[in-house]
Amino acid sequence: MQTFWEGGECANLGFGTRTKKIGFVGFKVYNVALYVEADPAKATLQLSDPSTDSVCSALLHGQFQKVLQIHMLRDVTSTQFKDGLRENLVPNLKKYGGNEHLETFMDFFSDKKIGKGSEIPLLWSASGELSTDVFSAGFSRFTKAKPGLQIASEAFCKALFDIFLSPQSIVQDGRKKWTASAIDLVEH
């Protein structure tokens, strides 16, 4: 269980690894863990269909706090980080809306040092607000953290989290783990 700057105890549903191919070689860029606020998720998740697509859709649309916590496995420039997010986020913003927040989100990372071991929690509150920051390697006191960016947009949150939870996810191995863990959370 993990507690962040907002909400109650969150269950870690596991992580997936973002790999970027350059030529024929795949490089591991970051791990991304999915946390859900345990009690509200357990009470509200409807998992009548145990397929990965169905469970990940229920996680995406569930009215409870969720956090995608990115753990960097290598140093990247802020431009590389932003370009990777933008490439996947822009199509989703067309689907869900929230495009008016794109530049605010991207600009936030412009002056950030995103090194190996950095932690980037993307917290989507039950009220539909995104909050985030970049924390240096080894940081773990998330209950006392103060997020540097907040965006009040349910649509933007859905577009961002869909990058990881949709059938076209950039972390397919994560989707499988998150599905199994969500089913286990609801059943126990």
C-alpha atoms as a PDB file:
ATOM      1  CA  MET A   1       0.000   0.000   0.000  1.00  0.00           C
ATOM      2  CA  GLN A   2       1.127   3.534  -0.776  1.00  0.00           C
ATOM      3  CA  THR A   3      -0.310   6.867   0.288  1.00  0.00           C
ATOM      4  CA  PHE A   4       0.157   9.969  -1.833  1.00  0.00           C
ATOM      5  CA  TRP A   5      -0.421  13.676  -1.106  1.00  0.00           C
ATOM      6  CA  GLU A   6      -4.139  13.193  -1.626  1.00  0.00           C
ATOM      7  CA  GLY A   7      -6.630  10.398  -0.981  1.00  0.00           C
ATOM      8  CA  GLY A   8      -6.380   7.236   1.064  1.00  0.00           C
ATOM      9  CA  GLU A   9      -4.264   4.110   0.862  1.00  0.00           C
ATOM     10  CA  CYS A  10      -3.604   2.975  -2.686  1.00  0.00           C
ATOM     11  CA  ALA A  11      -3.036  -0.614  -3.772  1.00  0.00           C
ATOM     12  CA  ASN A  12      -0.193  -1.230  -6.211  1.00  0.00           C
ATOM     13  CA  LEU A  13      -1.582  -3.261  -9.110  1.00  0.00           C
ATOM     14  CA  GLY A  14       1.869  -3.906 -10.577  1.00  0.00           C
ATOM     15  CA  PHE A  15       4.006  -2.282 -13.232  1.00  0.00           C
ATOM     16  CA  GLY A  16       4.793  -2.397 -16.911  1.00  0.00           C
ATOM     17  CA  THR A  17       7.916  -1.329 -18.758  1.00  0.00           C
ATOM     18  CA  ARG A  18       8.046   1.296 -21.489  1.00  0.00           C
ATOM     19  CA  THR A  19      10.518   0.214 -24.139  1.00  0.00           C
ATOM     20  CA  LYS A  20      11.573   2.453 -27.014  1.00  0.00           C
ATOM     21  CA  LYS A  21      13.038   0.913 -30.162  1.00  0.00           C
ATOM     22  CA  ILE A  22      15.894   2.588 -31.963  1.00  0.00           C
ATOM     23  CA  GLY A  23      16.678   0.586 -35.058  1.00  0.00           C
ATOM     24  CA  PHE A  24      16.556  -3.066 -34.042  1.00  0.00           C
ATOM     25  CA  VAL A  25      17.429  -2.450 -30.414  1.00  0.00           C
ATOM     26  CA  GLY A  26      14.860  -1.953 -27.648  1.00  0.00           C
ATOM     27  CA  PHE A  27      15.788   0.281 -24.708  1.00  0.00           C
ATOM     28  CA  LYS A  28      13.928   0.201 -21.409  1.00  0.00           C
ATOM     29  CA  VAL A  29      12.995   3.814 -20.641  1.00  0.00           C
ATOM     30  CA  TYR A  30      10.812   3.574 -17.529  1.00  0.00           C
ATOM     31  CA  ASN A  31       8.596   1.364 -15.415  1.00  0.00           C
ATOM     32  CA  VAL A  32       5.086   2.566 -14.713  1.00  0.00           C
ATOM     33  CA  ALA A  33       3.125   1.268 -11.735  1.00  0.00           C
ATOM     34  CA  LEU A  34      -0.636   1.642 -11.421  1.00  0.00           C
ATOM     35  CA  TYR A  35      -2.103   2.395  -7.993  1.00  0.00           C
ATOM     36  CA  VAL A  36      -5.801   2.627  -7.169  1.00  0.00           C
ATOM     37  CA  GLU A  37      -7.342   3.909  -3.966  1.00  0.00           C
ATOM     38  CA  ALA A  38      -8.063   0.503  -2.461  1.00  0.00           C
ATOM     39  CA  ASP A  39     -11.388   0.804  -0.643  1.00  0.00           C
ATOM     40  CA  PRO A  40     -13.270   2.924  -3.228  1.00  0.00           C
ATOM     41  CA  ALA A  41     -11.918   0.805  -6.095  1.00  0.00           C
ATOM     42  CA  LYS A  42     -12.898  -2.417  -4.369  1.00  0.00           C
ATOM     43  CA  ALA A  43     -16.389  -1.059  -3.683  1.00  0.00           C
ATOM     44  CA  THR A  44     -17.084   0.319  -7.160  1.00  0.00           C
ATOM     45  CA  LEU A  45     -15.219  -1.784  -9.729  1.00  0.00           C
ATOM     46  CA  GLN A  46     -17.661  -3.909 -11.718  1.00  0.00           C
ATOM     47  CA  LEU A  47     -15.666  -6.761 -13.247  1.00  0.00           C
ATOM     48  CA  SER A  48     -18.264  -9.085 -14.771  1.00  0.00           C
ATOM     49  CA  ASP A  49     -15.973  -9.622 -17.785  1.00  0.00           C
ATOM     50  CA  PRO A  50     -12.444 -10.648 -16.710  1.00  0.00           C
ATOM     51  CA  SER A  51     -10.837  -9.821 -20.075  1.00  0.00           C
ATOM     52  CA  THR A  52      -7.895  -7.423 -20.051  1.00  0.00           C
ATOM     53  CA  ASP A  53      -9.726  -4.896 -22.247  1.00  0.00           C
ATOM     54  CA  SER A  54     -12.796  -4.902 -20.005  1.00  0.00           C
ATOM     55  CA  VAL A  55     -10.888  -4.642 -16.715  1.00  0.00           C
ATOM     56  CA  CYS A  56      -8.576  -1.892 -17.986  1.00  0.00           C
ATOM     57  CA  SER A  57     -11.614   0.025 -19.260  1.00  0.00           C
ATOM     58  CA  ALA A  58     -13.223  -0.300 -15.815  1.00  0.00           C
ATOM     59  CA  LEU A  59      -9.999   0.997 -14.245  1.00  0.00           C
ATOM     60  CA  LEU A  60      -9.899   3.937 -16.666  1.00  0.00           C
ATOM     61  CA  HIS A  61     -13.528   4.931 -16.115  1.00  0.00           C
ATOM     62  CA  GLY A  62     -13.791   4.094 -12.398  1.00  0.00           C
ATOM     63  CA  GLN A  63     -14.675   6.975 -10.060  1.00  0.00           C
ATOM     64  CA  PHE A  64     -11.810   6.509  -7.602  1.00  0.00           C
ATOM     65  CA  GLN A  65      -8.325   7.906  -7.248  1.00  0.00           C
ATOM     66  CA  LYS A  66      -5.676   6.329  -9.429  1.00  0.00           C
ATOM     67  CA  VAL A  67      -1.975   7.008  -9.826  1.00  0.00           C
ATOM     68  CA  LEU A  68       0.419   6.117 -12.596  1.00  0.00           C
ATOM     69  CA  GLN A  69       3.879   6.280 -11.052  1.00  0.00           C
ATOM     70  CA  ILE A  70       6.679   6.493 -13.583  1.00  0.00           C
ATOM     71  CA  HIS A  71      10.097   5.314 -12.394  1.00  0.00           C
ATOM     72  CA  MET A  72      12.833   6.333 -14.835  1.00  0.00           C
ATOM     73  CA  LEU A  73      15.285   3.587 -15.793  1.00  0.00           C
ATOM     74  CA  ARG A  74      17.614   5.938 -17.687  1.00  0.00           C
ATOM     75  CA  ASP A  75      18.434   9.607 -18.017  1.00  0.00           C
ATOM     76  CA  VAL A  76      16.349  11.466 -20.588  1.00  0.00           C
ATOM     77  CA  THR A  77      16.135  15.118 -21.486  1.00  0.00           C
ATOM     78  CA  SER A  78      12.941  16.967 -20.705  1.00  0.00           C
ATOM     79  CA  THR A  79      12.449  17.305 -24.475  1.00  0.00           C
ATOM     80  CA  GLN A  80      12.682  13.532 -24.967  1.00  0.00           C
ATOM     81  CA  PHE A  81      10.222  12.937 -22.128  1.00  0.00           C
ATOM     82  CA  LYS A  82       7.761  15.525 -23.433  1.00  0.00           C
ATOM     83  CA  ASP A  83       8.028  14.303 -27.032  1.00  0.00           C
ATOM     84  CA  GLY A  84       7.278  10.733 -25.930  1.00  0.00           C
ATOM     85  CA  LEU A  85       4.211  11.840 -23.997  1.00  0.00           C
ATOM     86  CA  ARG A  86       3.017  14.243 -26.694  1.00  0.00           C
ATOM     87  CA  GLU A  87       3.237  11.574 -29.404  1.00  0.00           C
ATOM     88  CA  ASN A  88       0.791   9.380 -27.501  1.00  0.00           C
ATOM     89  CA  LEU A  89      -1.302  12.046 -25.786  1.00  0.00           C
ATOM     90  CA  VAL A  90      -2.343  14.183 -28.776  1.00  0.00           C
ATOM     91  CA  PRO A  91      -4.450  11.441 -30.465  1.00  0.00           C
ATOM     92  CA  ASN A  92      -6.175  10.732 -27.135  1.00  0.00           C
ATOM     93  CA  LEU A  93      -6.984  14.412 -26.611  1.00  0.00           C
ATOM     94  CA  LYS A  94      -8.875  14.308 -29.918  1.00  0.00           C
ATOM     95  CA  LYS A  95     -10.844  11.343 -28.564  1.00  0.00           C
ATOM     96  CA  TYR A  96     -11.570  12.654 -25.038  1.00  0.00           C
ATOM     97  CA  GLY A  97     -11.062  16.423 -25.189  1.00  0.00           C
ATOM     98  CA  GLY A  98      -8.922  18.431 -22.791  1.00  0.00           C
ATOM     99  CA  ASN A  99      -6.602  19.736 -25.507  1.00  0.00           C
ATOM    100  CA  GLU A 100      -6.564  23.195 -23.898  1.00  0.00           C
ATOM    101  CA  HIS A 101      -4.364  21.765 -21.115  1.00  0.00           C
ATOM    102  CA  LEU A 102      -1.716  20.161 -23.347  1.00  0.00           C
ATOM    103  CA  GLU A 103       0.764  23.046 -23.395  1.00  0.00           C
ATOM    104  CA  THR A 104       0.429  23.691 -19.654  1.00  0.00           C
ATOM    105  CA  PHE A 105       1.212  20.020 -19.032  1.00  0.00           C
ATOM    106  CA  MET A 106       4.137  19.942 -21.464  1.00  0.00           C
ATOM    107  CA  ASP A 107       5.583  23.267 -20.276  1.00  0.00           C
ATOM    108  CA  PHE A 108       5.660  21.970 -16.713  1.00  0.00           C
ATOM    109  CA  PHE A 109       8.332  19.422 -17.657  1.00  0.00           C
ATOM    110  CA  SER A 110      10.482  21.891 -19.635  1.00  0.00           C
ATOM    111  CA  ASP A 111      12.872  22.764 -16.814  1.00  0.00           C
ATOM    112  CA  LYS A 112      12.751  19.428 -14.987  1.00  0.00           C
ATOM    113  CA  LYS A 113      15.731  17.120 -14.622  1.00  0.00           C
ATOM    114  CA  ILE A 114      14.435  13.669 -15.469  1.00  0.00           C
ATOM    115  CA  GLY A 115      17.266  11.349 -14.530  1.00  0.00           C
ATOM    116  CA  LYS A 116      17.630   7.670 -13.832  1.00  0.00           C
ATOM    117  CA  GLY A 117      15.664   6.856 -10.679  1.00  0.00           C
ATOM    118  CA  SER A 118      13.381   9.909 -10.916  1.00  0.00           C
ATOM    119  CA  GLU A 119       9.786   9.343  -9.818  1.00  0.00           C
ATOM    120  CA  ILE A 120       6.888  10.999 -11.647  1.00  0.00           C
ATOM    121  CA  PRO A 121       3.531  10.196 -10.034  1.00  0.00           C
ATOM    122  CA  LEU A 122       0.526  11.202 -12.142  1.00  0.00           C
ATOM    123  CA  LEU A 123      -2.318  11.376  -9.612  1.00  0.00           C
ATOM    124  CA  TRP A 124      -5.882  11.475 -10.957  1.00  0.00           C
ATOM    125  CA  SER A 125      -8.158  12.341  -8.052  1.00  0.00           C
ATOM    126  CA  ALA A 126     -11.719  11.063  -7.729  1.00  0.00           C
ATOM    127  CA  SER A 127     -12.850  14.650  -8.382  1.00  0.00           C
ATOM    128  CA  GLY A 128     -11.213  14.627 -11.828  1.00  0.00           C
ATOM    129  CA  GLU A 129      -8.050  16.623 -11.167  1.00  0.00           C
ATOM    130  CA  LEU A 130      -4.551  15.665 -12.266  1.00  0.00           C
ATOM    131  CA  SER A 131      -1.602  16.543 -10.041  1.00  0.00           C
ATOM    132  CA  THR A 132       2.044  15.680 -10.589  1.00  0.00           C
ATOM    133  CA  ASP A 133       5.672  16.566 -10.045  1.00  0.00           C
ATOM    134  CA  VAL A 134       9.128  15.149 -10.703  1.00  0.00           C
ATOM    135  CA  PHE A 135      10.948  13.776  -7.657  1.00  0.00           C
ATOM    136  CA  SER A 136      14.629  12.877  -7.519  1.00  0.00           C
ATOM    137  CA  ALA A 137      15.916   9.316  -7.229  1.00  0.00           C
ATOM    138  CA  GLY A 138      15.222   7.759  -3.848  1.00  0.00           C
ATOM    139  CA  PHE A 139      12.304  10.032  -2.955  1.00  0.00           C
ATOM    140  CA  SER A 140       9.500   8.107  -1.256  1.00  0.00           C
ATOM    141  CA  ARG A 141       7.692  10.511   1.097  1.00  0.00           C
ATOM    142  CA  PHE A 142       4.748  11.068  -1.209  1.00  0.00           C
ATOM    143  CA  THR A 143       2.324  11.771   1.646  1.00  0.00           C
ATOM    144  CA  LYS A 144       4.242  14.977   2.388  1.00  0.00           C
ATOM    145  CA  ALA A 145       4.870  15.919  -1.258  1.00  0.00           C
ATOM    146  CA  LYS A 146       3.472  19.081  -2.786  1.00  0.00           C
ATOM    147  CA  PRO A 147       2.590  18.644  -6.452  1.00  0.00           C
ATOM    148  CA  GLY A 148       3.975  21.307  -8.756  1.00  0.00           C
ATOM    149  CA  LEU A 149       1.203  21.029 -11.345  1.00  0.00           C
ATOM    150  CA  GLN A 150      -2.546  20.631 -11.074  1.00  0.00           C
ATOM    151  CA  ILE A 151      -4.976  20.411 -13.987  1.00  0.00           C
ATOM    152  CA  ALA A 152      -8.703  20.258 -13.287  1.00  0.00           C
ATOM    153  CA  SER A 153      -9.936  18.280 -16.293  1.00  0.00           C
ATOM    154  CA  GLU A 154     -11.504  14.827 -16.261  1.00  0.00           C
ATOM    155  CA  ALA A 155     -11.087  14.698 -20.050  1.00  0.00           C
ATOM    156  CA  PHE A 156      -7.348  15.401 -19.853  1.00  0.00           C
ATOM    157  CA  CYS A 157      -6.929  12.737 -17.156  1.00  0.00           C
ATOM    158  CA  LYS A 158      -8.720  10.146 -19.302  1.00  0.00           C
ATOM    159  CA  ALA A 159      -6.605  11.029 -22.335  1.00  0.00           C
ATOM    160  CA  LEU A 160      -3.396  10.678 -20.310  1.00  0.00           C
ATOM    161  CA  PHE A 161      -4.283   7.438 -18.514  1.00  0.00           C
ATOM    162  CA  ASP A 162      -5.645   5.910 -21.738  1.00  0.00           C
ATOM    163  CA  ILE A 163      -2.062   5.911 -23.070  1.00  0.00           C
ATOM    164  CA  PHE A 164      -1.353   3.148 -20.563  1.00  0.00           C
ATOM    165  CA  LEU A 165      -4.732   1.433 -20.082  1.00  0.00           C
ATOM    166  CA  SER A 166      -6.126   1.224 -23.638  1.00  0.00           C
ATOM    167  CA  PRO A 167      -5.773  -1.811 -25.922  1.00  0.00           C
ATOM    168  CA  GLN A 168      -3.076   0.230 -27.753  1.00  0.00           C
ATOM    169  CA  SER A 169      -1.163   0.725 -24.477  1.00  0.00           C
ATOM    170  CA  ILE A 170       2.530   1.558 -24.599  1.00  0.00           C
ATOM    171  CA  VAL A 171       3.024  -0.927 -21.724  1.00  0.00           C
ATOM    172  CA  GLN A 172       1.182  -4.091 -22.739  1.00  0.00           C
ATOM    173  CA  ASP A 173       2.880  -6.138 -20.009  1.00  0.00           C
ATOM    174  CA  GLY A 174       1.464  -3.710 -17.446  1.00  0.00           C
ATOM    175  CA  ARG A 175      -2.114  -4.168 -18.656  1.00  0.00           C
ATOM    176  CA  LYS A 176      -1.953  -7.906 -17.980  1.00  0.00           C
ATOM    177  CA  LYS A 177      -0.572  -7.404 -14.462  1.00  0.00           C
ATOM    178  CA  TRP A 178      -3.078  -4.639 -13.680  1.00  0.00           C
ATOM    179  CA  THR A 179      -5.947  -6.855 -14.820  1.00  0.00           C
ATOM    180  CA  ALA A 180      -4.929  -9.787 -12.616  1.00  0.00           C
ATOM    181  CA  SER A 181      -4.324  -7.518  -9.609  1.00  0.00           C
ATOM    182  CA  ALA A 182      -7.618  -5.625 -10.033  1.00  0.00           C
ATOM    183  CA  ILE A 183      -9.531  -8.914 -10.127  1.00  0.00           C
ATOM    184  CA  ASP A 184      -7.657 -10.063  -7.016  1.00  0.00           C
ATOM    185  CA  LEU A 185      -8.390  -6.757  -5.235  1.00  0.00           C
ATOM    186  CA  VAL A 186     -12.126  -7.024  -5.917  1.00  0.00           C
ATOM    187  CA  GLU A 187     -12.350 -10.708  -4.973  1.00  0.00           C
ATOM    188  CA  HIS A 188     -10.482 -10.426  -1.650  1.00  0.00           C
END
